[in-house]
Amino acid sequence: MPDVAFSVLGSVEANVGDRTVALGGGRQRALLAALLLSAGRVVSVDRLVDEL
């Protein structure tokens, strides 16, 4: 299974192996960033709504 890496400093990016993955629009990238910054913790729907 290839390595998956995420970047949240600067632009939000996802890389699988040596390939950059398209993440979609601004809200999708903002959602991913909010979830990545809360890794290992439960994130409520209310908090996600506030973040977006």
N, C-alpha and C. Protein backbone atom coordinates (compact mmCIF):
# COMPACT_ATOMS: atom_id res chain seq x y z
N MET A 1 0.84 -1.18 0.00
CA MET A 1 0.00 0.00 0.00
C MET A 1 0.89 1.25 0.00
N PRO A 2 0.63 2.22 -0.89
CA PRO A 2 1.47 3.42 -0.97
C PRO A 2 1.30 4.32 0.25
N ASP A 3 2.33 5.11 0.53
CA ASP A 3 2.27 6.08 1.62
C ASP A 3 1.34 7.21 1.25
N VAL A 4 0.58 7.69 2.24
CA VAL A 4 -0.30 8.84 2.06
C VAL A 4 0.21 9.95 2.96
N ALA A 5 0.38 11.14 2.41
CA ALA A 5 0.86 12.29 3.18
C ALA A 5 -0.04 13.49 2.91
N PHE A 6 -0.28 14.26 3.96
CA PHE A 6 -1.10 15.46 3.86
C PHE A 6 -0.26 16.66 4.25
N SER A 7 -0.51 17.79 3.58
CA SER A 7 0.14 19.06 3.91
C SER A 7 -0.95 20.07 4.21
N VAL A 8 -0.81 20.79 5.33
CA VAL A 8 -1.79 21.81 5.67
C VAL A 8 -1.17 23.19 5.82
N LEU A 9 0.15 23.27 5.76
CA LEU A 9 0.80 24.58 5.78
C LEU A 9 0.90 25.07 4.34
N GLY A 10 0.45 26.26 4.10
CA GLY A 10 0.34 26.72 2.71
C GLY A 10 -0.96 26.17 2.14
N SER A 11 -0.89 25.60 0.96
CA SER A 11 -2.10 25.02 0.39
C SER A 11 -2.29 23.61 0.94
N VAL A 12 -3.54 23.21 1.09
CA VAL A 12 -3.87 21.87 1.58
C VAL A 12 -3.68 20.89 0.43
N GLU A 13 -2.86 19.87 0.65
CA GLU A 13 -2.56 18.90 -0.39
C GLU A 13 -2.57 17.50 0.19
N ALA A 14 -2.83 16.53 -0.67
CA ALA A 14 -2.70 15.12 -0.33
C ALA A 14 -1.83 14.46 -1.38
N ASN A 15 -0.93 13.62 -0.93
CA ASN A 15 -0.04 12.90 -1.84
C ASN A 15 -0.13 11.41 -1.53
N VAL A 16 -0.29 10.63 -2.57
CA VAL A 16 -0.26 9.17 -2.46
C VAL A 16 0.97 8.72 -3.21
N GLY A 17 1.93 8.20 -2.47
CA GLY A 17 3.21 7.88 -3.10
C GLY A 17 3.84 9.16 -3.60
N ASP A 18 4.17 9.21 -4.86
CA ASP A 18 4.78 10.42 -5.44
C ASP A 18 3.79 11.22 -6.27
N ARG A 19 2.51 10.94 -6.10
CA ARG A 19 1.46 11.58 -6.92
C ARG A 19 0.59 12.49 -6.06
N THR A 20 0.33 13.72 -6.51
CA THR A 20 -0.57 14.63 -5.82
C THR A 20 -2.01 14.30 -6.21
N VAL A 21 -2.88 14.27 -5.21
CA VAL A 21 -4.29 13.90 -5.41
C VAL A 21 -5.14 15.17 -5.43
N ALA A 22 -6.06 15.27 -6.38
CA ALA A 22 -6.99 16.41 -6.45
C ALA A 22 -7.95 16.32 -5.27
N LEU A 23 -8.13 17.44 -4.57
CA LEU A 23 -8.98 17.44 -3.38
C LEU A 23 -10.32 18.12 -3.58
N GLY A 24 -10.56 18.72 -4.69
CA GLY A 24 -11.84 19.38 -4.91
C GLY A 24 -11.78 20.85 -4.54
N GLY A 25 -12.93 21.40 -4.25
CA GLY A 25 -13.06 22.83 -4.00
C GLY A 25 -12.59 23.28 -2.63
N GLY A 26 -12.77 24.56 -2.38
CA GLY A 26 -12.31 25.18 -1.14
C GLY A 26 -12.93 24.60 0.11
N ARG A 27 -14.23 24.33 0.08
CA ARG A 27 -14.88 23.75 1.27
C ARG A 27 -14.37 22.35 1.57
N GLN A 28 -14.13 21.56 0.55
CA GLN A 28 -13.61 20.21 0.77
C GLN A 28 -12.21 20.27 1.35
N ARG A 29 -11.39 21.19 0.87
CA ARG A 29 -10.04 21.34 1.42
C ARG A 29 -10.09 21.86 2.85
N ALA A 30 -11.03 22.78 3.13
CA ALA A 30 -11.18 23.31 4.49
C ALA A 30 -11.65 22.22 5.45
N LEU A 31 -12.56 21.37 5.00
CA LEU A 31 -13.03 20.26 5.83
C LEU A 31 -11.89 19.30 6.12
N LEU A 32 -11.12 18.94 5.11
CA LEU A 32 -9.99 18.04 5.30
C LEU A 32 -8.99 18.65 6.27
N ALA A 33 -8.69 19.93 6.13
CA ALA A 33 -7.74 20.60 7.03
C ALA A 33 -8.25 20.57 8.46
N ALA A 34 -9.53 20.85 8.67
CA ALA A 34 -10.10 20.83 10.02
C ALA A 34 -10.00 19.44 10.64
N LEU A 35 -10.26 18.42 9.84
CA LEU A 35 -10.17 17.04 10.35
C LEU A 35 -8.72 16.66 10.63
N LEU A 36 -7.81 17.04 9.76
CA LEU A 36 -6.40 16.72 9.97
C LEU A 36 -5.84 17.40 11.21
N LEU A 37 -6.24 18.64 11.44
CA LEU A 37 -5.76 19.37 12.60
C LEU A 37 -6.33 18.84 13.90
N SER A 38 -7.37 18.02 13.81
CA SER A 38 -7.98 17.39 14.99
C SER A 38 -7.77 15.89 14.98
N ALA A 39 -6.72 15.43 14.35
CA ALA A 39 -6.45 13.99 14.23
C ALA A 39 -6.44 13.32 15.60
N GLY A 40 -7.13 12.20 15.69
CA GLY A 40 -7.19 11.44 16.94
C GLY A 40 -8.25 11.91 17.91
N ARG A 41 -8.99 12.95 17.53
CA ARG A 41 -10.04 13.48 18.41
C ARG A 41 -11.38 13.48 17.67
N VAL A 42 -12.44 13.39 18.43
CA VAL A 42 -13.78 13.47 17.86
C VAL A 42 -14.05 14.93 17.51
N VAL A 43 -14.59 15.16 16.32
CA VAL A 43 -14.95 16.51 15.89
C VAL A 43 -16.46 16.56 15.70
N SER A 44 -17.12 17.43 16.43
CA SER A 44 -18.58 17.50 16.34
C SER A 44 -19.01 18.16 15.03
N VAL A 45 -20.21 17.85 14.64
CA VAL A 45 -20.78 18.46 13.43
C VAL A 45 -20.87 19.97 13.62
N ASP A 46 -21.24 20.41 14.83
CA ASP A 46 -21.33 21.85 15.09
C ASP A 46 -19.99 22.55 14.88
N ARG A 47 -18.91 21.92 15.32
CA ARG A 47 -17.59 22.52 15.12
C ARG A 47 -17.23 22.58 13.65
N LEU A 48 -17.53 21.51 12.92
CA LEU A 48 -17.24 21.51 11.49
C LEU A 48 -18.03 22.58 10.76
N VAL A 49 -19.28 22.75 11.14
CA VAL A 49 -20.12 23.80 10.53
C VAL A 49 -19.49 25.16 10.81
N ASP A 50 -19.05 25.38 12.05
CA ASP A 50 -18.41 26.65 12.39
C ASP A 50 -17.13 26.87 11.58
N GLU A 51 -16.35 25.81 11.41
CA GLU A 51 -15.10 25.91 10.66
C GLU A 51 -15.35 26.25 9.19
N LEU A 52 -16.40 25.69 8.63
CA LEU A 52 -16.67 25.91 7.21
C LEU A 52 -17.43 27.20 7.02
